[in-house]
Amino acid sequence: MAVGARSGHDEPEDRPGRDESPEGGAAAPPGGDGGTPGDGRPPRRQRSFWMELPLLVGIALILALLIKTFLIQAFSIPSDSMQNTLQRGDRVLVDKLTPWFGSEPERGEVVVFHDPGGWLEGAATPEPNVAQKFLSFIGLMPSAEEKDLIKRVIAIGGDTVECKENGPVTVNGKALDEKSFIFPGNTPCNDKPFGPIKVEEGRIFVMGDHRQNSLDSRYHQELPGQGTVSTDEVVGRAIVVAWPVGRWATLPIPSTFDQPGLNAAAALAPAALGVAGALPLVLWRRRRLTAGRTAG
């Protein structure tokens, strides 16, 4: 037999220090989740699902509120001004996170923004009931306030935007090819030609995709900013059509907004860099010529 091993028959009946009495440390009752052994208390009962349900609901509501406030919120499309990109009754999800990190709206994005003042004046708004207000407050339903608008960003701060009758929309002198997103049969701006308008820094110029059915920046030029919208009023960028399921789609930036030379600042950058690079060479050459004349 190996050293240190014992068979069940070799163990003495009474080992020193072994207490067989019930008072010497009775085992825990079956189940193992009760009170302290020997303290006389009944075992603890696990709480039922129905008792924990209010806590779970409360946590879910807090998470939904945080998501709605800082990450993503659902919005309902109340009009036809963005057809055919968006239809009346569509539900879109709006990215609210990136603006928290200082991101500014870009050309071509579809954005949701608060009424800058006067845009929705006189427009009828539905009166939601208490349940709708609560669900929209925590982000489980689209906004019930109906004081927000959704349009496409055409120009940003520093841009010059213009559209003459029968002509295309131009940004910084570059014509936009809008066939992929404006409503079929619409013209870029024949119902309301405009410009040229210089967009101030921190503001955007927006238009609906259904040009002949959209009261956008063109129709509010008498307001401060010539109809442009402050970026502080922008809630976020619409990134996806989430409902109805059959219309699920992302909302990318059309390729025409990526054409070379559209960015006025970018167009000036190569020239500015060239001047900055040539300036030291010119100064050095002038210094040498001046020194040569002096020596002669």
C-alpha atoms as a PDB file:
ATOM      1  CA  MET A   1       0.000   0.000   0.000  1.00  0.00           C
ATOM      2  CA  ALA A   2       1.397   3.370  -0.919  1.00  0.00           C
ATOM      3  CA  VAL A   3       2.619   5.625   1.841  1.00  0.00           C
ATOM      4  CA  GLY A   4      -0.017   8.054   3.023  1.00  0.00           C
ATOM      5  CA  ALA A   5      -2.949   6.206   1.476  1.00  0.00           C
ATOM      6  CA  ARG A   6      -5.644   4.595   3.545  1.00  0.00           C
ATOM      7  CA  SER A   7      -8.394   2.171   2.783  1.00  0.00           C
ATOM      8  CA  GLY A   8     -11.826   2.737   4.211  1.00  0.00           C
ATOM      9  CA  HIS A   9     -11.300  -0.186   6.639  1.00  0.00           C
ATOM     10  CA  ASP A  10      -8.058   1.112   8.178  1.00  0.00           C
ATOM     11  CA  GLU A  11      -9.533   4.362   9.529  1.00  0.00           C
ATOM     12  CA  PRO A  12     -10.248   4.138  13.284  1.00  0.00           C
ATOM     13  CA  GLU A  13     -13.797   4.475  14.413  1.00  0.00           C
ATOM     14  CA  ASP A  14     -13.004   7.435  16.718  1.00  0.00           C
ATOM     15  CA  ARG A  15     -10.427   9.981  15.485  1.00  0.00           C
ATOM     16  CA  PRO A  16      -9.116  12.540  17.942  1.00  0.00           C
ATOM     17  CA  GLY A  17     -10.963  15.812  17.688  1.00  0.00           C
ATOM     18  CA  ARG A  18     -13.888  14.366  15.722  1.00  0.00           C
ATOM     19  CA  ASP A  19     -17.271  15.378  17.094  1.00  0.00           C
ATOM     20  CA  GLU A  20     -20.178  13.247  15.978  1.00  0.00           C
ATOM     21  CA  SER A  21     -22.754  15.104  18.030  1.00  0.00           C
ATOM     22  CA  PRO A  22     -25.354  17.305  16.313  1.00  0.00           C
ATOM     23  CA  GLU A  23     -24.061  20.245  18.365  1.00  0.00           C
ATOM     24  CA  GLY A  24     -20.570  19.849  16.916  1.00  0.00           C
ATOM     25  CA  GLY A  25     -21.348  21.422  13.531  1.00  0.00           C
ATOM     26  CA  ALA A  26     -24.305  19.988  11.683  1.00  0.00           C
ATOM     27  CA  ALA A  27     -24.193  20.050   7.912  1.00  0.00           C
ATOM     28  CA  ALA A  28     -26.171  22.672   6.013  1.00  0.00           C
ATOM     29  CA  PRO A  29     -29.645  21.582   4.990  1.00  0.00           C
ATOM     30  CA  PRO A  30     -30.182  20.341   1.451  1.00  0.00           C
ATOM     31  CA  GLY A  31     -30.175  23.194  -1.029  1.00  0.00           C
ATOM     32  CA  GLY A  32     -27.116  24.958   0.402  1.00  0.00           C
ATOM     33  CA  ASP A  33     -28.561  28.497   0.093  1.00  0.00           C
ATOM     34  CA  GLY A  34     -30.031  28.858   3.513  1.00  0.00           C
ATOM     35  CA  GLY A  35     -28.935  30.764   6.580  1.00  0.00           C
ATOM     36  CA  THR A  36     -25.839  30.112   8.678  1.00  0.00           C
ATOM     37  CA  PRO A  37     -25.647  26.436   9.750  1.00  0.00           C
ATOM     38  CA  GLY A  38     -26.894  25.921  13.270  1.00  0.00           C
ATOM     39  CA  ASP A  39     -28.255  29.489  13.683  1.00  0.00           C
ATOM     40  CA  GLY A  40     -31.838  28.320  13.600  1.00  0.00           C
ATOM     41  CA  ARG A  41     -32.865  30.670  10.754  1.00  0.00           C
ATOM     42  CA  PRO A  42     -34.847  29.316   7.813  1.00  0.00           C
ATOM     43  CA  PRO A  43     -33.100  29.245   4.404  1.00  0.00           C
ATOM     44  CA  ARG A  44     -33.341  32.394   2.253  1.00  0.00           C
ATOM     45  CA  ARG A  45     -35.788  32.201  -0.614  1.00  0.00           C
ATOM     46  CA  GLN A  46     -34.820  33.371  -4.071  1.00  0.00           C
ATOM     47  CA  ARG A  47     -36.866  36.374  -5.228  1.00  0.00           C
ATOM     48  CA  SER A  48     -39.414  35.587  -7.883  1.00  0.00           C
ATOM     49  CA  PHE A  49     -39.228  36.943 -11.418  1.00  0.00           C
ATOM     50  CA  TRP A  50     -42.252  39.176 -10.800  1.00  0.00           C
ATOM     51  CA  MET A  51     -40.522  40.812  -7.845  1.00  0.00           C
ATOM     52  CA  GLU A  52     -37.433  41.563  -9.964  1.00  0.00           C
ATOM     53  CA  LEU A  53     -39.406  42.737 -13.002  1.00  0.00           C
ATOM     54  CA  PRO A  54     -39.822  46.387 -11.838  1.00  0.00           C
ATOM     55  CA  LEU A  55     -36.047  46.623 -11.307  1.00  0.00           C
ATOM     56  CA  LEU A  56     -35.351  45.216 -14.778  1.00  0.00           C
ATOM     57  CA  VAL A  57     -37.852  47.619 -16.353  1.00  0.00           C
ATOM     58  CA  GLY A  58     -36.300  50.545 -14.505  1.00  0.00           C
ATOM     59  CA  ILE A  59     -32.801  49.651 -15.706  1.00  0.00           C
ATOM     60  CA  ALA A  60     -34.068  49.235 -19.283  1.00  0.00           C
ATOM     61  CA  LEU A  61     -35.750  52.657 -19.191  1.00  0.00           C
ATOM     62  CA  ILE A  62     -32.598  54.332 -17.851  1.00  0.00           C
ATOM     63  CA  LEU A  63     -30.496  52.711 -20.588  1.00  0.00           C
ATOM     64  CA  ALA A  64     -33.021  53.755 -23.252  1.00  0.00           C
ATOM     65  CA  LEU A  65     -32.950  57.338 -21.963  1.00  0.00           C
ATOM     66  CA  LEU A  66     -29.142  57.424 -22.015  1.00  0.00           C
ATOM     67  CA  ILE A  67     -29.037  55.993 -25.547  1.00  0.00           C
ATOM     68  CA  LYS A  68     -31.629  58.516 -26.740  1.00  0.00           C
ATOM     69  CA  THR A  69     -29.775  61.407 -25.111  1.00  0.00           C
ATOM     70  CA  PHE A  70     -26.223  60.596 -26.153  1.00  0.00           C
ATOM     71  CA  LEU A  71     -26.187  57.956 -28.915  1.00  0.00           C
ATOM     72  CA  ILE A  72     -29.133  57.337 -31.241  1.00  0.00           C
ATOM     73  CA  GLN A  73     -32.713  58.592 -31.450  1.00  0.00           C
ATOM     74  CA  ALA A  74     -35.603  57.638 -33.704  1.00  0.00           C
ATOM     75  CA  PHE A  75     -37.436  60.301 -35.697  1.00  0.00           C
ATOM     76  CA  SER A  76     -40.568  60.096 -37.817  1.00  0.00           C
ATOM     77  CA  ILE A  77     -40.756  61.712 -41.262  1.00  0.00           C
ATOM     78  CA  PRO A  78     -43.845  63.984 -41.183  1.00  0.00           C
ATOM     79  CA  SER A  79     -43.847  65.326 -44.763  1.00  0.00           C
ATOM     80  CA  ASP A  80     -42.921  64.611 -48.388  1.00  0.00           C
ATOM     81  CA  SER A  81     -40.090  67.154 -48.595  1.00  0.00           C
ATOM     82  CA  MET A  82     -37.362  64.469 -48.719  1.00  0.00           C
ATOM     83  CA  GLN A  83     -38.911  62.152 -51.308  1.00  0.00           C
ATOM     84  CA  ASN A  84     -37.848  59.815 -52.761  1.00  0.00           C
ATOM     85  CA  THR A  85     -34.982  59.395 -50.318  1.00  0.00           C
ATOM     86  CA  LEU A  86     -37.447  59.390 -47.411  1.00  0.00           C
ATOM     87  CA  GLN A  87     -41.184  58.797 -47.470  1.00  0.00           C
ATOM     88  CA  ARG A  88     -43.805  60.207 -45.139  1.00  0.00           C
ATOM     89  CA  GLY A  89     -44.077  57.869 -42.143  1.00  0.00           C
ATOM     90  CA  ASP A  90     -40.553  56.455 -42.395  1.00  0.00           C
ATOM     91  CA  ARG A  91     -38.641  56.070 -39.147  1.00  0.00           C
ATOM     92  CA  VAL A  92     -34.986  57.063 -39.285  1.00  0.00           C
ATOM     93  CA  LEU A  93     -32.257  56.577 -36.711  1.00  0.00           C
ATOM     94  CA  VAL A  94     -30.197  59.679 -36.013  1.00  0.00           C
ATOM     95  CA  ASP A  95     -26.598  59.564 -34.833  1.00  0.00           C
ATOM     96  CA  LYS A  96     -26.296  61.964 -31.886  1.00  0.00           C
ATOM     97  CA  LEU A  97     -22.908  60.739 -30.677  1.00  0.00           C
ATOM     98  CA  THR A  98     -20.473  62.303 -33.150  1.00  0.00           C
ATOM     99  CA  PRO A  99     -21.624  65.911 -32.505  1.00  0.00           C
ATOM    100  CA  TRP A 100     -20.592  65.416 -28.867  1.00  0.00           C
ATOM    101  CA  PHE A 101     -17.008  65.063 -30.123  1.00  0.00           C
ATOM    102  CA  GLY A 102     -17.146  68.308 -32.101  1.00  0.00           C
ATOM    103  CA  SER A 103     -18.018  66.788 -35.455  1.00  0.00           C
ATOM    104  CA  GLU A 104     -19.649  69.301 -37.823  1.00  0.00           C
ATOM    105  CA  PRO A 105     -22.253  68.427 -40.493  1.00  0.00           C
ATOM    106  CA  GLU A 106     -20.772  67.669 -43.906  1.00  0.00           C
ATOM    107  CA  ARG A 107     -22.093  68.372 -47.391  1.00  0.00           C
ATOM    108  CA  GLY A 108     -24.483  65.701 -48.587  1.00  0.00           C
ATOM    109  CA  GLU A 109     -25.512  64.454 -45.149  1.00  0.00           C
ATOM    110  CA  VAL A 110     -29.178  64.170 -44.227  1.00  0.00           C
ATOM    111  CA  VAL A 111     -29.534  65.921 -40.883  1.00  0.00           C
ATOM    112  CA  VAL A 112     -32.244  66.528 -38.294  1.00  0.00           C
ATOM    113  CA  PHE A 113     -32.277  70.010 -36.755  1.00  0.00           C
ATOM    114  CA  HIS A 114     -34.458  72.059 -34.439  1.00  0.00           C
ATOM    115  CA  ASP A 115     -36.630  74.749 -35.965  1.00  0.00           C
ATOM    116  CA  PRO A 116     -34.246  77.757 -36.194  1.00  0.00           C
ATOM    117  CA  GLY A 117     -37.263  80.025 -35.707  1.00  0.00           C
ATOM    118  CA  GLY A 118     -40.017  80.783 -38.160  1.00  0.00           C
ATOM    119  CA  TRP A 119     -39.634  77.704 -40.346  1.00  0.00           C
ATOM    120  CA  LEU A 120     -42.606  75.850 -38.854  1.00  0.00           C
ATOM    121  CA  GLU A 121     -44.624  78.921 -37.993  1.00  0.00           C
ATOM    122  CA  GLY A 122     -48.302  78.212 -38.639  1.00  0.00           C
ATOM    123  CA  ALA A 123     -47.700  74.532 -39.364  1.00  0.00           C
ATOM    124  CA  ALA A 124     -50.183  72.189 -37.687  1.00  0.00           C
ATOM    125  CA  THR A 125     -48.575  69.815 -35.210  1.00  0.00           C
ATOM    126  CA  PRO A 126     -50.290  66.744 -33.737  1.00  0.00           C
ATOM    127  CA  GLU A 127     -50.938  66.670 -30.010  1.00  0.00           C
ATOM    128  CA  PRO A 128     -49.454  63.444 -28.594  1.00  0.00           C
ATOM    129  CA  ASN A 129     -51.042  61.705 -25.627  1.00  0.00           C
ATOM    130  CA  VAL A 130     -49.265  61.087 -22.317  1.00  0.00           C
ATOM    131  CA  ALA A 131     -48.012  57.627 -23.306  1.00  0.00           C
ATOM    132  CA  GLN A 132     -46.573  58.916 -26.595  1.00  0.00           C
ATOM    133  CA  LYS A 133     -44.838  61.777 -24.807  1.00  0.00           C
ATOM    134  CA  PHE A 134     -43.272  59.404 -22.292  1.00  0.00           C
ATOM    135  CA  LEU A 135     -42.137  56.864 -24.899  1.00  0.00           C
ATOM    136  CA  SER A 136     -40.684  59.582 -27.103  1.00  0.00           C
ATOM    137  CA  PHE A 137     -38.943  61.120 -24.074  1.00  0.00           C
ATOM    138  CA  ILE A 138     -37.042  57.893 -23.382  1.00  0.00           C
ATOM    139  CA  GLY A 139     -36.406  57.278 -27.085  1.00  0.00           C
ATOM    140  CA  LEU A 140     -38.640  54.234 -27.605  1.00  0.00           C
ATOM    141  CA  MET A 141     -40.812  56.162 -30.053  1.00  0.00           C
ATOM    142  CA  PRO A 142     -40.001  58.895 -32.582  1.00  0.00           C
ATOM    143  CA  SER A 143     -40.017  62.446 -31.315  1.00  0.00           C
ATOM    144  CA  ALA A 144     -43.513  63.529 -30.342  1.00  0.00           C
ATOM    145  CA  GLU A 145     -42.720  67.221 -30.352  1.00  0.00           C
ATOM    146  CA  GLU A 146     -42.707  67.559 -34.169  1.00  0.00           C
ATOM    147  CA  LYS A 147     -40.593  70.714 -33.857  1.00  0.00           C
ATOM    148  CA  ASP A 148     -37.685  69.260 -35.796  1.00  0.00           C
ATOM    149  CA  LEU A 149     -36.943  69.261 -39.512  1.00  0.00           C
ATOM    150  CA  ILE A 150     -34.943  66.957 -41.765  1.00  0.00           C
ATOM    151  CA  LYS A 151     -33.084  68.152 -44.880  1.00  0.00           C
ATOM    152  CA  ARG A 152     -29.909  67.524 -46.848  1.00  0.00           C
ATOM    153  CA  VAL A 153     -26.824  69.668 -46.221  1.00  0.00           C
ATOM    154  CA  ILE A 154     -25.834  71.408 -49.468  1.00  0.00           C
ATOM    155  CA  ALA A 155     -23.222  73.884 -48.239  1.00  0.00           C
ATOM    156  CA  ILE A 156     -21.265  74.437 -45.031  1.00  0.00           C
ATOM    157  CA  GLY A 157     -19.486  77.364 -43.408  1.00  0.00           C
ATOM    158  CA  GLY A 158     -17.178  79.181 -45.809  1.00  0.00           C
ATOM    159  CA  ASP A 159     -18.982  77.914 -48.951  1.00  0.00           C
ATOM    160  CA  THR A 160     -20.663  80.059 -51.584  1.00  0.00           C
ATOM    161  CA  VAL A 161     -23.850  78.409 -52.868  1.00  0.00           C
ATOM    162  CA  GLU A 162     -25.969  79.488 -55.817  1.00  0.00           C
ATOM    163  CA  CYS A 163     -28.653  78.209 -58.196  1.00  0.00           C
ATOM    164  CA  LYS A 164     -29.932  80.157 -61.185  1.00  0.00           C
ATOM    165  CA  GLU A 165     -33.116  79.333 -63.075  1.00  0.00           C
ATOM    166  CA  ASN A 166     -32.689  76.234 -65.281  1.00  0.00           C
ATOM    167  CA  GLY A 167     -29.225  75.778 -63.854  1.00  0.00           C
ATOM    168  CA  PRO A 168     -27.677  73.346 -61.392  1.00  0.00           C
ATOM    169  CA  VAL A 169     -26.894  74.063 -57.778  1.00  0.00           C
ATOM    170  CA  THR A 170     -23.280  75.197 -57.554  1.00  0.00           C
ATOM    171  CA  VAL A 171     -21.047  75.137 -54.485  1.00  0.00           C
ATOM    172  CA  ASN A 172     -17.849  77.159 -54.710  1.00  0.00           C
ATOM    173  CA  GLY A 173     -18.370  77.303 -58.460  1.00  0.00           C
ATOM    174  CA  LYS A 174     -18.690  73.514 -58.843  1.00  0.00           C
ATOM    175  CA  ALA A 175     -21.974  72.162 -60.248  1.00  0.00           C
ATOM    176  CA  LEU A 176     -23.672  69.371 -58.293  1.00  0.00           C
ATOM    177  CA  ASP A 177     -24.995  66.318 -60.127  1.00  0.00           C
ATOM    178  CA  GLU A 178     -28.150  65.653 -58.092  1.00  0.00           C
ATOM    179  CA  LYS A 179     -29.936  63.142 -60.320  1.00  0.00           C
ATOM    180  CA  SER A 180     -29.334  60.306 -57.885  1.00  0.00           C
ATOM    181  CA  PHE A 181     -31.293  61.848 -55.038  1.00  0.00           C
ATOM    182  CA  ILE A 182     -33.682  64.651 -56.058  1.00  0.00           C
ATOM    183  CA  PHE A 183     -37.299  63.718 -56.739  1.00  0.00           C
ATOM    184  CA  PRO A 184     -37.849  62.458 -60.318  1.00  0.00           C
ATOM    185  CA  GLY A 185     -39.082  65.257 -62.571  1.00  0.00           C
ATOM    186  CA  ASN A 186     -37.938  68.022 -60.217  1.00  0.00           C
ATOM    187  CA  THR A 187     -35.563  70.784 -61.223  1.00  0.00           C
ATOM    188  CA  PRO A 188     -32.732  71.813 -58.906  1.00  0.00           C
ATOM    189  CA  CYS A 189     -34.299  75.205 -58.079  1.00  0.00           C
ATOM    190  CA  ASN A 190     -36.654  76.544 -60.767  1.00  0.00           C
ATOM    191  CA  ASP A 191     -39.352  77.117 -58.161  1.00  0.00           C
ATOM    192  CA  LYS A 192     -36.994  79.314 -56.106  1.00  0.00           C
ATOM    193  CA  PRO A 193     -33.650  80.359 -57.663  1.00  0.00           C
ATOM    194  CA  PHE A 194     -31.232  81.892 -55.180  1.00  0.00           C
ATOM    195  CA  GLY A 195     -27.798  83.255 -54.507  1.00  0.00           C
ATOM    196  CA  PRO A 196     -25.017  83.627 -54.523  1.00  0.00           C
ATOM    197  CA  ILE A 197     -25.094  83.156 -50.729  1.00  0.00           C
ATOM    198  CA  LYS A 198     -21.948  83.104 -48.624  1.00  0.00           C
ATOM    199  CA  VAL A 199     -22.519  80.653 -45.757  1.00  0.00           C
ATOM    200  CA  GLU A 200     -21.126  81.914 -42.468  1.00  0.00           C
ATOM    201  CA  GLU A 201     -18.875  79.734 -40.338  1.00  0.00           C
ATOM    202  CA  GLY A 202     -20.854  77.575 -37.936  1.00  0.00           C
ATOM    203  CA  ARG A 203     -23.907  77.453 -40.230  1.00  0.00           C
ATOM    204  CA  ILE A 204     -25.239  75.191 -43.006  1.00  0.00           C
ATOM    205  CA  PHE A 205     -27.428  75.671 -46.089  1.00  0.00           C
ATOM    206  CA  VAL A 206     -30.006  72.883 -46.447  1.00  0.00           C
ATOM    207  CA  MET A 207     -32.467  71.747 -49.123  1.00  0.00           C
ATOM    208  CA  GLY A 208     -35.056  68.997 -49.399  1.00  0.00           C
ATOM    209  CA  ASP A 209     -34.685  66.276 -52.043  1.00  0.00           C
ATOM    210  CA  HIS A 210     -38.238  66.976 -53.258  1.00  0.00           C
ATOM    211  CA  ARG A 211     -37.267  70.437 -54.448  1.00  0.00           C
ATOM    212  CA  GLN A 212     -40.695  71.583 -55.586  1.00  0.00           C
ATOM    213  CA  ASN A 213     -42.242  70.512 -52.275  1.00  0.00           C
ATOM    214  CA  SER A 214     -39.704  71.691 -49.704  1.00  0.00           C
ATOM    215  CA  LEU A 215     -39.694  74.946 -47.724  1.00  0.00           C
ATOM    216  CA  ASP A 216     -35.968  74.849 -47.080  1.00  0.00           C
ATOM    217  CA  SER A 217     -33.169  77.441 -46.796  1.00  0.00           C
ATOM    218  CA  ARG A 218     -34.260  79.047 -50.077  1.00  0.00           C
ATOM    219  CA  TYR A 219     -37.581  80.134 -48.587  1.00  0.00           C
ATOM    220  CA  HIS A 220     -36.218  81.693 -45.390  1.00  0.00           C
ATOM    221  CA  GLN A 221     -33.626  84.107 -46.743  1.00  0.00           C
ATOM    222  CA  GLU A 222     -35.321  87.015 -44.983  1.00  0.00           C
ATOM    223  CA  LEU A 223     -34.406  85.471 -41.613  1.00  0.00           C
ATOM    224  CA  PRO A 224     -31.026  85.965 -39.897  1.00  0.00           C
ATOM    225  CA  GLY A 225     -28.336  83.999 -41.700  1.00  0.00           C
ATOM    226  CA  GLN A 226     -30.166  84.181 -45.064  1.00  0.00           C
ATOM    227  CA  GLY A 227     -31.976  80.936 -44.376  1.00  0.00           C
ATOM    228  CA  THR A 228     -28.936  79.055 -43.135  1.00  0.00           C
ATOM    229  CA  VAL A 229     -29.100  76.948 -39.975  1.00  0.00           C
ATOM    230  CA  SER A 230     -26.730  77.173 -37.020  1.00  0.00           C
ATOM    231  CA  THR A 231     -24.839  73.947 -36.371  1.00  0.00           C
ATOM    232  CA  ASP A 232     -25.872  74.333 -32.721  1.00  0.00           C
ATOM    233  CA  GLU A 233     -29.428  73.519 -33.830  1.00  0.00           C
ATOM    234  CA  VAL A 234     -28.391  70.246 -35.488  1.00  0.00           C
ATOM    235  CA  VAL A 235     -29.538  67.175 -33.543  1.00  0.00           C
ATOM    236  CA  GLY A 236     -27.527  64.709 -35.601  1.00  0.00           C
ATOM    237  CA  ARG A 237     -27.137  62.883 -38.882  1.00  0.00           C
ATOM    238  CA  ALA A 238     -29.799  60.452 -40.123  1.00  0.00           C
ATOM    239  CA  ILE A 239     -27.881  57.249 -40.842  1.00  0.00           C
ATOM    240  CA  VAL A 240     -30.488  54.595 -41.607  1.00  0.00           C
ATOM    241  CA  VAL A 241     -34.156  54.084 -42.461  1.00  0.00           C
ATOM    242  CA  ALA A 242     -35.202  51.638 -39.747  1.00  0.00           C
ATOM    243  CA  TRP A 243     -38.942  51.314 -40.402  1.00  0.00           C
ATOM    244  CA  PRO A 244     -40.867  49.985 -42.218  1.00  0.00           C
ATOM    245  CA  VAL A 245     -38.723  46.888 -42.622  1.00  0.00           C
ATOM    246  CA  GLY A 246     -39.294  46.779 -46.373  1.00  0.00           C
ATOM    247  CA  ARG A 247     -37.656  50.211 -46.742  1.00  0.00           C
ATOM    248  CA  TRP A 248     -34.586  49.520 -44.617  1.00  0.00           C
ATOM    249  CA  ALA A 249     -31.633  51.398 -46.132  1.00  0.00           C
ATOM    250  CA  THR A 250     -28.574  53.395 -45.175  1.00  0.00           C
ATOM    251  CA  LEU A 251     -28.277  57.100 -46.022  1.00  0.00           C
ATOM    252  CA  PRO A 252     -24.801  57.610 -47.525  1.00  0.00           C
ATOM    253  CA  ILE A 253     -23.359  60.846 -48.886  1.00  0.00           C
ATOM    254  CA  PRO A 254     -23.887  61.091 -52.684  1.00  0.00           C
ATOM    255  CA  SER A 255     -20.678  60.944 -54.697  1.00  0.00           C
ATOM    256  CA  THR A 256     -21.178  64.420 -56.224  1.00  0.00           C
ATOM    257  CA  PHE A 257     -20.237  65.944 -52.865  1.00  0.00           C
ATOM    258  CA  ASP A 258     -16.825  64.237 -53.076  1.00  0.00           C
ATOM    259  CA  GLN A 259     -15.793  65.794 -56.387  1.00  0.00           C
ATOM    260  CA  PRO A 260     -12.363  67.438 -56.484  1.00  0.00           C
ATOM    261  CA  GLY A 261     -12.227  71.165 -55.863  1.00  0.00           C
ATOM    262  CA  LEU A 262     -15.603  71.379 -54.116  1.00  0.00           C
ATOM    263  CA  ASN A 263     -13.990  72.282 -50.840  1.00  0.00           C
ATOM    264  CA  ALA A 264     -12.983  75.927 -51.150  1.00  0.00           C
ATOM    265  CA  ALA A 265     -10.378  75.655 -48.394  1.00  0.00           C
ATOM    266  CA  ALA A 266      -8.903  72.502 -49.920  1.00  0.00           C
ATOM    267  CA  ALA A 267      -8.717  74.174 -53.325  1.00  0.00           C
ATOM    268  CA  LEU A 268      -6.656  77.034 -51.868  1.00  0.00           C
ATOM    269  CA  ALA A 269      -4.404  74.774 -49.805  1.00  0.00           C
ATOM    270  CA  PRO A 270      -1.980  73.682 -52.588  1.00  0.00           C
ATOM    271  CA  ALA A 271      -1.443  77.286 -53.675  1.00  0.00           C
ATOM    272  CA  ALA A 272      -0.909  78.406 -50.093  1.00  0.00           C
ATOM    273  CA  LEU A 273       1.596  75.617 -49.489  1.00  0.00           C
ATOM    274  CA  GLY A 274       3.393  76.507 -52.704  1.00  0.00           C
ATOM    275  CA  VAL A 275       3.738  80.147 -51.679  1.00  0.00           C
ATOM    276  CA  ALA A 276       4.902  79.168 -48.199  1.00  0.00           C
ATOM    277  CA  GLY A 277       7.512  76.825 -49.662  1.00  0.00           C
ATOM    278  CA  ALA A 278       8.773  79.340 -52.231  1.00  0.00           C
ATOM    279  CA  LEU A 279       9.010  82.308 -49.859  1.00  0.00           C
ATOM    280  CA  PRO A 280      12.245  81.234 -48.079  1.00  0.00           C
ATOM    281  CA  LEU A 281      13.896  80.560 -51.442  1.00  0.00           C
ATOM    282  CA  VAL A 282      12.934  84.002 -52.774  1.00  0.00           C
ATOM    283  CA  LEU A 283      14.206  85.747 -49.644  1.00  0.00           C
ATOM    284  CA  TRP A 284      17.492  83.814 -49.757  1.00  0.00           C
ATOM    285  CA  ARG A 285      17.995  84.734 -53.435  1.00  0.00           C
ATOM    286  CA  ARG A 286      17.266  88.420 -52.777  1.00  0.00           C
ATOM    287  CA  ARG A 287      19.735  88.436 -49.885  1.00  0.00           C
ATOM    288  CA  ARG A 288      22.473  86.991 -52.093  1.00  0.00           C
ATOM    289  CA  LEU A 289      21.817  89.488 -54.883  1.00  0.00           C
ATOM    290  CA  THR A 290      21.876  92.379 -52.429  1.00  0.00           C
ATOM    291  CA  ALA A 291      25.108  91.112 -50.884  1.00  0.00           C
ATOM    292  CA  GLY A 292      26.688  90.814 -54.360  1.00  0.00           C
ATOM    293  CA  ARG A 293      25.817  94.380 -55.291  1.00  0.00           C
ATOM    294  CA  THR A 294      27.177  95.699 -52.001  1.00  0.00           C
ATOM    295  CA  ALA A 295      30.454  93.849 -52.440  1.00  0.00           C
ATOM    296  CA  GLY A 296      30.844  95.238 -55.996  1.00  0.00           C
END
